[in-house]
C-alpha atoms as a PDB file:
ATOM      1  CA  MET A   1      29.786  17.012  14.593  1.00  0.00           C
ATOM      2  CA  GLU A   2      29.491  19.444  11.701  1.00  0.00           C
ATOM      3  CA  SER A   3      28.843  22.528  13.836  1.00  0.00           C
ATOM      4  CA  LEU A   4      29.875  23.830  17.247  1.00  0.00           C
ATOM      5  CA  SER A   5      28.348  26.620  19.324  1.00  0.00           C
ATOM      6  CA  VAL A   6      31.152  28.681  20.883  1.00  0.00           C
ATOM      7  CA  ALA A   7      31.026  31.473  23.457  1.00  0.00           C
ATOM      8  CA  ALA A   8      33.452  34.222  24.470  1.00  0.00           C
ATOM      9  CA  ILE A   9      33.186  35.561  28.030  1.00  0.00           C
ATOM     10  CA  GLN A  10      34.640  39.079  28.363  1.00  0.00           C
ATOM     11  CA  LEU A  11      35.423  40.311  31.878  1.00  0.00           C
ATOM     12  CA  THR A  12      37.035  43.075  33.898  1.00  0.00           C
ATOM     13  CA  SER A  13      38.712  40.793  36.425  1.00  0.00           C
ATOM     14  CA  SER A  14      40.078  42.242  39.661  1.00  0.00           C
ATOM     15  CA  ASN A  15      42.485  41.064  42.354  1.00  0.00           C
ATOM     16  CA  THR A  16      39.570  39.571  44.338  1.00  0.00           C
ATOM     17  CA  TRP A  17      39.200  35.969  43.260  1.00  0.00           C
ATOM     18  CA  HIS A  18      35.787  35.230  44.771  1.00  0.00           C
ATOM     19  CA  GLU A  19      34.167  38.224  43.037  1.00  0.00           C
ATOM     20  CA  ASN A  20      35.680  37.126  39.738  1.00  0.00           C
ATOM     21  CA  LEU A  21      34.419  33.578  40.279  1.00  0.00           C
ATOM     22  CA  LEU A  22      30.862  34.780  40.911  1.00  0.00           C
ATOM     23  CA  GLU A  23      30.898  36.833  37.707  1.00  0.00           C
ATOM     24  CA  VAL A  24      32.254  33.865  35.762  1.00  0.00           C
ATOM     25  CA  LYS A  25      29.459  31.640  37.032  1.00  0.00           C
ATOM     26  CA  ARG A  26      26.835  34.223  36.080  1.00  0.00           C
ATOM     27  CA  LEU A  27      28.063  34.805  32.540  1.00  0.00           C
ATOM     28  CA  VAL A  28      28.951  31.183  31.777  1.00  0.00           C
ATOM     29  CA  THR A  29      25.490  30.073  32.904  1.00  0.00           C
ATOM     30  CA  ALA A  30      23.886  32.710  30.667  1.00  0.00           C
ATOM     31  CA  ALA A  31      25.996  31.631  27.669  1.00  0.00           C
ATOM     32  CA  ALA A  32      25.130  27.965  28.233  1.00  0.00           C
ATOM     33  CA  LYS A  33      21.431  28.815  28.386  1.00  0.00           C
ATOM     34  CA  ASP A  34      21.895  30.512  24.997  1.00  0.00           C
ATOM     35  CA  GLY A  35      23.165  27.232  23.582  1.00  0.00           C
ATOM     36  CA  ALA A  36      26.940  27.444  23.976  1.00  0.00           C
ATOM     37  CA  ARG A  37      28.748  24.099  24.003  1.00  0.00           C
ATOM     38  CA  LEU A  38      32.324  25.485  24.216  1.00  0.00           C
ATOM     39  CA  VAL A  39      32.732  28.461  26.570  1.00  0.00           C
ATOM     40  CA  VAL A  40      36.062  30.311  26.731  1.00  0.00           C
ATOM     41  CA  LEU A  41      37.202  32.588  29.561  1.00  0.00           C
ATOM     42  CA  PRO A  42      39.982  35.198  29.199  1.00  0.00           C
ATOM     43  CA  GLU A  43      43.526  35.232  30.564  1.00  0.00           C
ATOM     44  CA  ASN A  44      43.965  36.057  34.282  1.00  0.00           C
ATOM     45  CA  VAL A  45      40.285  35.315  34.747  1.00  0.00           C
ATOM     46  CA  PHE A  46      40.253  34.623  38.498  1.00  0.00           C
ATOM     47  CA  LEU A  47      43.071  36.942  39.570  1.00  0.00           C
ATOM     48  CA  PHE A  48      44.302  40.070  37.812  1.00  0.00           C
ATOM     49  CA  ASP A  49      47.370  40.538  39.982  1.00  0.00           C
ATOM     50  CA  GLY A  50      50.727  39.262  38.760  1.00  0.00           C
ATOM     51  CA  LYS A  51      52.429  39.522  42.139  1.00  0.00           C
ATOM     52  CA  GLY A  52      49.613  37.581  43.796  1.00  0.00           C
ATOM     53  CA  MET A  53      49.752  34.595  41.435  1.00  0.00           C
ATOM     54  CA  ARG A  54      52.122  32.498  43.499  1.00  0.00           C
ATOM     55  CA  ARG A  55      50.221  33.108  46.730  1.00  0.00           C
ATOM     56  CA  LEU A  56      46.949  32.039  45.129  1.00  0.00           C
ATOM     57  CA  ALA A  57      48.461  28.969  43.489  1.00  0.00           C
ATOM     58  CA  GLU A  58      49.916  27.829  46.832  1.00  0.00           C
ATOM     59  CA  SER A  59      46.736  28.451  48.828  1.00  0.00           C
ATOM     60  CA  ASP A  60      43.747  26.235  49.628  1.00  0.00           C
ATOM     61  CA  VAL A  61      41.714  28.540  47.366  1.00  0.00           C
ATOM     62  CA  GLN A  62      43.410  27.048  44.308  1.00  0.00           C
ATOM     63  CA  GLN A  63      41.620  23.725  44.571  1.00  0.00           C
ATOM     64  CA  GLN A  64      38.345  25.403  45.487  1.00  0.00           C
ATOM     65  CA  ILE A  65      38.386  27.444  42.272  1.00  0.00           C
ATOM     66  CA  LEU A  66      39.228  24.471  40.057  1.00  0.00           C
ATOM     67  CA  THR A  67      36.601  22.307  41.775  1.00  0.00           C
ATOM     68  CA  ASP A  68      33.925  24.991  41.362  1.00  0.00           C
ATOM     69  CA  VAL A  69      34.758  25.407  37.685  1.00  0.00           C
ATOM     70  CA  SER A  70      34.710  21.655  37.083  1.00  0.00           C
ATOM     71  CA  GLU A  71      31.332  21.372  38.787  1.00  0.00           C
ATOM     72  CA  LEU A  72      30.018  24.280  36.702  1.00  0.00           C
ATOM     73  CA  ALA A  73      31.060  22.581  33.453  1.00  0.00           C
ATOM     74  CA  LYS A  74      29.443  19.333  34.565  1.00  0.00           C
ATOM     75  CA  GLU A  75      26.240  21.027  35.707  1.00  0.00           C
ATOM     76  CA  LEU A  76      25.870  22.905  32.418  1.00  0.00           C
ATOM     77  CA  ASP A  77      27.144  20.014  30.224  1.00  0.00           C
ATOM     78  CA  ILE A  78      29.711  22.190  28.450  1.00  0.00           C
ATOM     79  CA  PHE A  79      33.372  22.329  27.567  1.00  0.00           C
ATOM     80  CA  LEU A  80      34.809  25.182  29.644  1.00  0.00           C
ATOM     81  CA  VAL A  81      38.199  26.771  28.981  1.00  0.00           C
ATOM     82  CA  ILE A  82      39.960  28.693  31.754  1.00  0.00           C
ATOM     83  CA  GLY A  83      41.938  31.182  29.651  1.00  0.00           C
ATOM     84  CA  SER A  84      44.748  31.179  32.189  1.00  0.00           C
ATOM     85  CA  HIS A  85      45.218  30.470  35.863  1.00  0.00           C
ATOM     86  CA  PRO A  86      48.514  30.213  37.797  1.00  0.00           C
ATOM     87  CA  SER A  87      49.970  26.797  38.556  1.00  0.00           C
ATOM     88  CA  ILE A  88      52.968  26.021  40.792  1.00  0.00           C
ATOM     89  CA  GLN A  89      53.499  22.698  39.063  1.00  0.00           C
ATOM     90  CA  THR A  90      54.766  21.841  35.609  1.00  0.00           C
ATOM     91  CA  GLU A  91      52.903  19.424  33.377  1.00  0.00           C
ATOM     92  CA  SER A  92      55.128  16.599  34.650  1.00  0.00           C
ATOM     93  CA  GLY A  93      54.089  17.406  38.239  1.00  0.00           C
ATOM     94  CA  GLU A  94      57.319  19.059  39.389  1.00  0.00           C
ATOM     95  CA  THR A  95      56.945  22.004  41.771  1.00  0.00           C
ATOM     96  CA  ILE A  96      58.372  25.251  40.406  1.00  0.00           C
ATOM     97  CA  SER A  97      61.118  26.306  42.811  1.00  0.00           C
ATOM     98  CA  SER A  98      61.889  29.757  41.407  1.00  0.00           C
ATOM     99  CA  GLY A  99      58.969  31.469  43.140  1.00  0.00           C
ATOM    100  CA  ARG A 100      57.275  31.934  39.783  1.00  0.00           C
ATOM    101  CA  VAL A 101      54.248  30.103  38.316  1.00  0.00           C
ATOM    102  CA  ARG A 102      53.159  28.644  35.022  1.00  0.00           C
ATOM    103  CA  GLN A 103      50.422  30.622  33.272  1.00  0.00           C
ATOM    104  CA  THR A 104      48.176  27.666  32.541  1.00  0.00           C
ATOM    105  CA  LEU A 105      45.148  27.258  30.279  1.00  0.00           C
ATOM    106  CA  TRP A 106      42.795  24.490  31.438  1.00  0.00           C
ATOM    107  CA  VAL A 107      40.234  22.674  29.271  1.00  0.00           C
ATOM    108  CA  ILE A 108      37.431  21.146  31.359  1.00  0.00           C
ATOM    109  CA  GLY A 109      35.095  18.567  29.791  1.00  0.00           C
ATOM    110  CA  PRO A 110      31.309  18.211  30.207  1.00  0.00           C
ATOM    111  CA  ASP A 111      31.908  15.523  32.822  1.00  0.00           C
ATOM    112  CA  GLY A 112      33.990  17.950  34.883  1.00  0.00           C
ATOM    113  CA  SER A 113      37.305  16.263  34.107  1.00  0.00           C
ATOM    114  CA  LEU A 114      40.507  17.987  33.002  1.00  0.00           C
ATOM    115  CA  LEU A 115      40.970  17.220  29.300  1.00  0.00           C
ATOM    116  CA  GLU A 116      44.115  19.220  28.582  1.00  0.00           C
ATOM    117  CA  ARG A 117      46.365  22.005  29.838  1.00  0.00           C
ATOM    118  CA  TYR A 118      48.619  24.393  27.966  1.00  0.00           C
ATOM    119  CA  ASP A 119      51.308  26.506  29.639  1.00  0.00           C
ATOM    120  CA  LYS A 120      51.953  29.910  28.043  1.00  0.00           C
ATOM    121  CA  ILE A 121      55.163  29.859  25.997  1.00  0.00           C
ATOM    122  CA  HIS A 122      55.760  33.530  25.116  1.00  0.00           C
ATOM    123  CA  LEU A 123      56.049  36.055  27.955  1.00  0.00           C
ATOM    124  CA  PHE A 124      55.098  39.728  27.697  1.00  0.00           C
ATOM    125  CA  ASP A 125      58.323  41.586  28.581  1.00  0.00           C
ATOM    126  CA  VAL A 126      57.799  44.879  26.748  1.00  0.00           C
ATOM    127  CA  THR A 127      57.516  48.653  26.985  1.00  0.00           C
ATOM    128  CA  VAL A 128      54.099  50.180  26.235  1.00  0.00           C
ATOM    129  CA  ASP A 129      53.045  53.824  26.024  1.00  0.00           C
ATOM    130  CA  ASP A 130      50.396  53.580  28.739  1.00  0.00           C
ATOM    131  CA  LYS A 131      50.139  54.284  32.473  1.00  0.00           C
ATOM    132  CA  ALA A 132      51.911  51.053  33.366  1.00  0.00           C
ATOM    133  CA  GLY A 133      54.809  51.912  31.049  1.00  0.00           C
ATOM    134  CA  SER A 134      56.401  48.471  31.033  1.00  0.00           C
ATOM    135  CA  TYR A 135      55.487  44.843  31.622  1.00  0.00           C
ATOM    136  CA  LEU A 136      57.785  42.047  32.754  1.00  0.00           C
ATOM    137  CA  GLU A 137      55.841  38.796  32.934  1.00  0.00           C
ATOM    138  CA  SER A 138      59.020  36.742  33.301  1.00  0.00           C
ATOM    139  CA  GLU A 139      59.446  38.097  36.840  1.00  0.00           C
ATOM    140  CA  VAL A 140      56.425  36.107  38.026  1.00  0.00           C
ATOM    141  CA  ILE A 141      55.824  33.573  35.215  1.00  0.00           C
ATOM    142  CA  GLU A 142      57.982  30.702  34.001  1.00  0.00           C
ATOM    143  CA  PRO A 143      57.557  29.905  30.279  1.00  0.00           C
ATOM    144  CA  GLY A 144      55.896  26.619  29.425  1.00  0.00           C
ATOM    145  CA  ASP A 145      57.428  23.743  27.510  1.00  0.00           C
ATOM    146  CA  LEU A 146      57.424  24.017  23.731  1.00  0.00           C
ATOM    147  CA  LEU A 147      54.460  21.694  23.315  1.00  0.00           C
ATOM    148  CA  PRO A 148      51.690  22.910  20.980  1.00  0.00           C
ATOM    149  CA  LYS A 149      48.380  21.456  22.142  1.00  0.00           C
ATOM    150  CA  VAL A 150      45.255  20.477  20.184  1.00  0.00           C
ATOM    151  CA  VAL A 151      42.186  19.066  21.942  1.00  0.00           C
ATOM    152  CA  ASP A 152      39.022  17.468  20.527  1.00  0.00           C
ATOM    153  CA  VAL A 153      35.747  19.264  21.291  1.00  0.00           C
ATOM    154  CA  ASP A 154      32.734  17.466  19.820  1.00  0.00           C
ATOM    155  CA  GLY A 155      34.705  16.499  16.733  1.00  0.00           C
ATOM    156  CA  PHE A 156      36.367  19.908  16.257  1.00  0.00           C
ATOM    157  CA  LYS A 157      40.144  20.097  16.648  1.00  0.00           C
ATOM    158  CA  VAL A 158      40.837  23.088  18.904  1.00  0.00           C
ATOM    159  CA  GLY A 159      44.324  24.650  19.138  1.00  0.00           C
ATOM    160  CA  LEU A 160      45.378  26.283  22.407  1.00  0.00           C
ATOM    161  CA  SER A 161      47.338  29.498  22.999  1.00  0.00           C
ATOM    162  CA  ILE A 162      47.425  32.498  25.350  1.00  0.00           C
ATOM    163  CA  CYS A 163      47.583  36.240  24.622  1.00  0.00           C
ATOM    164  CA  TYR A 164      51.153  37.260  23.607  1.00  0.00           C
ATOM    165  CA  ASP A 165      51.476  33.940  21.748  1.00  0.00           C
ATOM    166  CA  VAL A 166      49.350  35.478  18.991  1.00  0.00           C
ATOM    167  CA  ARG A 167      52.358  37.526  17.790  1.00  0.00           C
ATOM    168  CA  PHE A 168      54.286  34.350  16.947  1.00  0.00           C
ATOM    169  CA  PRO A 169      52.777  32.736  13.828  1.00  0.00           C
ATOM    170  CA  GLU A 170      55.013  29.668  13.943  1.00  0.00           C
ATOM    171  CA  LEU A 171      53.066  28.348  16.956  1.00  0.00           C
ATOM    172  CA  TYR A 172      49.781  28.532  15.041  1.00  0.00           C
ATOM    173  CA  ARG A 173      51.270  26.890  11.982  1.00  0.00           C
ATOM    174  CA  GLN A 174      52.276  23.965  14.179  1.00  0.00           C
ATOM    175  CA  LEU A 175      48.743  23.823  15.589  1.00  0.00           C
ATOM    176  CA  ALA A 176      47.353  23.812  12.035  1.00  0.00           C
ATOM    177  CA  GLU A 177      49.739  20.995  11.115  1.00  0.00           C
ATOM    178  CA  GLN A 178      48.291  19.037  14.040  1.00  0.00           C
ATOM    179  CA  GLY A 179      44.842  19.460  12.482  1.00  0.00           C
ATOM    180  CA  ALA A 180      43.514  22.500  14.334  1.00  0.00           C
ATOM    181  CA  GLU A 181      40.254  23.904  12.958  1.00  0.00           C
ATOM    182  CA  LEU A 182      39.546  26.440  15.713  1.00  0.00           C
ATOM    183  CA  LEU A 183      42.306  28.462  17.402  1.00  0.00           C
ATOM    184  CA  LEU A 184      41.703  29.911  20.875  1.00  0.00           C
ATOM    185  CA  VAL A 185      43.398  33.125  22.021  1.00  0.00           C
ATOM    186  CA  PRO A 186      42.324  33.998  25.581  1.00  0.00           C
ATOM    187  CA  ALA A 187      44.038  37.261  26.458  1.00  0.00           C
ATOM    188  CA  ALA A 188      44.560  40.322  28.616  1.00  0.00           C
ATOM    189  CA  PHE A 189      45.702  42.586  25.774  1.00  0.00           C
ATOM    190  CA  THR A 190      46.497  46.103  26.951  1.00  0.00           C
ATOM    191  CA  TYR A 191      44.327  48.897  25.573  1.00  0.00           C
ATOM    192  CA  VAL A 192      47.185  50.487  23.624  1.00  0.00           C
ATOM    193  CA  THR A 193      48.495  47.299  22.007  1.00  0.00           C
ATOM    194  CA  GLY A 194      44.986  45.972  21.522  1.00  0.00           C
ATOM    195  CA  LYS A 195      43.820  49.055  19.670  1.00  0.00           C
ATOM    196  CA  ALA A 196      46.887  48.834  17.448  1.00  0.00           C
ATOM    197  CA  HIS A 197      47.121  45.119  16.728  1.00  0.00           C
ATOM    198  CA  TRP A 198      44.412  42.871  18.257  1.00  0.00           C
ATOM    199  CA  ALA A 199      42.090  42.665  15.247  1.00  0.00           C
ATOM    200  CA  THR A 200      44.936  42.471  12.733  1.00  0.00           C
ATOM    201  CA  LEU A 201      46.685  39.627  14.547  1.00  0.00           C
ATOM    202  CA  LEU A 202      43.532  37.554  15.009  1.00  0.00           C
ATOM    203  CA  ALA A 203      42.564  37.968  11.368  1.00  0.00           C
ATOM    204  CA  ALA A 204      46.079  37.105  10.210  1.00  0.00           C
ATOM    205  CA  ARG A 205      46.189  33.885  12.247  1.00  0.00           C
ATOM    206  CA  ALA A 206      42.816  32.915  10.757  1.00  0.00           C
ATOM    207  CA  ILE A 207      43.784  33.682   7.150  1.00  0.00           C
ATOM    208  CA  GLU A 208      47.226  32.093   7.102  1.00  0.00           C
ATOM    209  CA  ASN A 209      46.077  28.881   8.805  1.00  0.00           C
ATOM    210  CA  GLN A 210      42.548  28.793   7.333  1.00  0.00           C
ATOM    211  CA  CYS A 211      41.059  28.233  10.781  1.00  0.00           C
ATOM    212  CA  PHE A 212      38.366  29.822  12.882  1.00  0.00           C
ATOM    213  CA  VAL A 213      39.959  32.058  15.523  1.00  0.00           C
ATOM    214  CA  LEU A 214      38.278  32.990  18.804  1.00  0.00           C
ATOM    215  CA  GLY A 215      39.985  35.845  20.657  1.00  0.00           C
ATOM    216  CA  VAL A 216      38.655  36.271  24.217  1.00  0.00           C
ATOM    217  CA  ASN A 217      39.969  39.387  25.951  1.00  0.00           C
ATOM    218  CA  GLN A 218      39.783  41.171  29.261  1.00  0.00           C
ATOM    219  CA  CYS A 219      38.349  44.707  29.155  1.00  0.00           C
ATOM    220  CA  GLY A 220      38.313  47.979  31.099  1.00  0.00           C
ATOM    221  CA  TRP A 221      40.322  49.300  34.051  1.00  0.00           C
ATOM    222  CA  HIS A 222      41.598  46.643  36.473  1.00  0.00           C
ATOM    223  CA  ASN A 223      43.502  49.087  38.678  1.00  0.00           C
ATOM    224  CA  GLU A 224      44.831  52.626  38.406  1.00  0.00           C
ATOM    225  CA  LYS A 225      47.466  51.607  35.846  1.00  0.00           C
ATOM    226  CA  ARG A 226      46.148  48.606  33.936  1.00  0.00           C
ATOM    227  CA  GLN A 227      43.554  48.923  31.171  1.00  0.00           C
ATOM    228  CA  THR A 228      42.698  46.153  28.708  1.00  0.00           C
ATOM    229  CA  TYR A 229      41.128  46.470  25.288  1.00  0.00           C
ATOM    230  CA  GLY A 230      38.174  44.086  25.145  1.00  0.00           C
ATOM    231  CA  HIS A 231      36.783  43.548  21.617  1.00  0.00           C
ATOM    232  CA  SER A 232      36.601  39.766  21.981  1.00  0.00           C
ATOM    233  CA  SER A 233      35.998  38.467  18.460  1.00  0.00           C
ATOM    234  CA  LEU A 234      35.380  35.433  16.285  1.00  0.00           C
ATOM    235  CA  TYR A 235      37.022  35.252  12.853  1.00  0.00           C
ATOM    236  CA  SER A 236      36.218  32.878  10.006  1.00  0.00           C
ATOM    237  CA  PRO A 237      38.861  30.893   8.050  1.00  0.00           C
ATOM    238  CA  PHE A 238      38.508  33.594   5.362  1.00  0.00           C
ATOM    239  CA  GLY A 239      39.533  36.242   7.899  1.00  0.00           C
ATOM    240  CA  ASP A 240      36.065  37.788   8.214  1.00  0.00           C
ATOM    241  CA  LYS A 241      35.027  39.064  11.631  1.00  0.00           C
ATOM    242  CA  GLN A 242      31.839  37.136  12.396  1.00  0.00           C
ATOM    243  CA  LEU A 243      31.032  38.615  15.789  1.00  0.00           C
ATOM    244  CA  SER A 244      32.616  40.984  18.287  1.00  0.00           C
ATOM    245  CA  LEU A 245      32.053  42.635  21.654  1.00  0.00           C
ATOM    246  CA  SER A 246      32.995  46.219  22.505  1.00  0.00           C
ATOM    247  CA  GLU A 247      34.807  47.419  25.624  1.00  0.00           C
ATOM    248  CA  GLU A 248      32.397  46.279  28.353  1.00  0.00           C
ATOM    249  CA  PRO A 249      32.002  42.926  30.147  1.00  0.00           C
ATOM    250  CA  GLY A 250      29.627  40.496  28.472  1.00  0.00           C
ATOM    251  CA  TYR A 251      29.521  37.486  26.183  1.00  0.00           C
ATOM    252  CA  PHE A 252      28.489  36.272  22.763  1.00  0.00           C
ATOM    253  CA  VAL A 253      27.479  32.883  21.408  1.00  0.00           C
ATOM    254  CA  GLN A 254      28.012  31.895  17.780  1.00  0.00           C
ATOM    255  CA  GLN A 255      27.816  28.656  15.824  1.00  0.00           C
ATOM    256  CA  ILE A 256      30.713  27.663  13.599  1.00  0.00           C
ATOM    257  CA  HIS A 257      30.396  25.163  10.746  1.00  0.00           C
ATOM    258  CA  LYS A 258      32.933  22.762   9.277  1.00  0.00           C
ATOM    259  CA  SER A 259      31.454  23.367   5.838  1.00  0.00           C
ATOM    260  CA  ASP A 260      32.791  26.953   5.921  1.00  0.00           C
ATOM    261  CA  LEU A 261      36.257  25.698   6.780  1.00  0.00           C
ATOM    262  CA  ILE A 262      36.181  23.009   4.084  1.00  0.00           C
ATOM    263  CA  LYS A 263      34.988  25.507   1.471  1.00  0.00           C
ATOM    264  CA  CYS A 264      37.816  27.893   2.308  1.00  0.00           C
ATOM    265  CA  ARG A 265      40.493  25.210   2.168  1.00  0.00           C
ATOM    266  CA  ASP A 266      39.113  23.639  -1.029  1.00  0.00           C
ATOM    267  CA  LYS A 267      38.927  26.932  -2.921  1.00  0.00           C
ATOM    268  CA  MET A 268      42.385  28.087  -1.895  1.00  0.00           C
ATOM    269  CA  PRO A 269      44.469  25.135  -0.655  1.00  0.00           C
ATOM    270  CA  CYS A 270      47.278  27.295   0.705  1.00  0.00           C
ATOM    271  CA  LEU A 271      48.464  24.787   3.284  1.00  0.00           C
ATOM    272  CA  SER A 272      49.173  22.216   0.561  1.00  0.00           C
ATOM    273  CA  HIS A 273      51.028  24.838  -1.532  1.00  0.00           C
ATOM    274  CA  ARG A 274      53.695  25.492   1.110  1.00  0.00           C
ATOM    275  CA  ARG A 275      57.306  25.312  -0.080  1.00  0.00           C
ATOM    276  CA  LEU A 276      59.021  26.029   3.259  1.00  0.00           C
END
């Protein structure tokens, strides 16, 4: 297909999975009614609680959530991307014995089947000048295998990543080399780091790889210490911001066109000019 209607779902997820699931169903249904074919949810969409990830992934609730999401995609005839959700198994099916989880992105097809998964590679172990002060994802998350993933969505090649990955351009260059035309960045960017770098990083990944980039963020206060930035945005291969949300929950739907990507790459064939 020459065009694809994409949607970003921006949420303020909590540590109560069933409330988050209800909100997801409401907003995804609204986006689909507005014509979205590919709907992307943010990181930590069903549980915003790092210490609770393992418990959720080991519980009977895990399968209930994934079944509900698969049925939703099938009912609405859409591609639905779970920005991240904890998994206690690796891609090869081995159970993680360290007590940690994989932070896994799931791509669900219109028939409800799992098309692809991507496990977050880069972990957010940093100090931030906010109420939380520091973040140590590696305490509860095991990094994924170094396997860049591209999936076909109605003829568009879609590259997969999660949040902190966006600071590592080499991943996106590998996705571009695999033919990616749209890069997904579901995230839970903190308010401080988001205000400083979110827009710049998304635009840079679009410009240097001449791809559309869809950044889908969490927003607002999730607890007394954790605030995320919102501002979910779609960037063109030229680096122009085509659409953006603010700092409240909601969604947008926008159509992207291959002709815009082809024009950009034909006028300035940067990828073919590479020397390194």
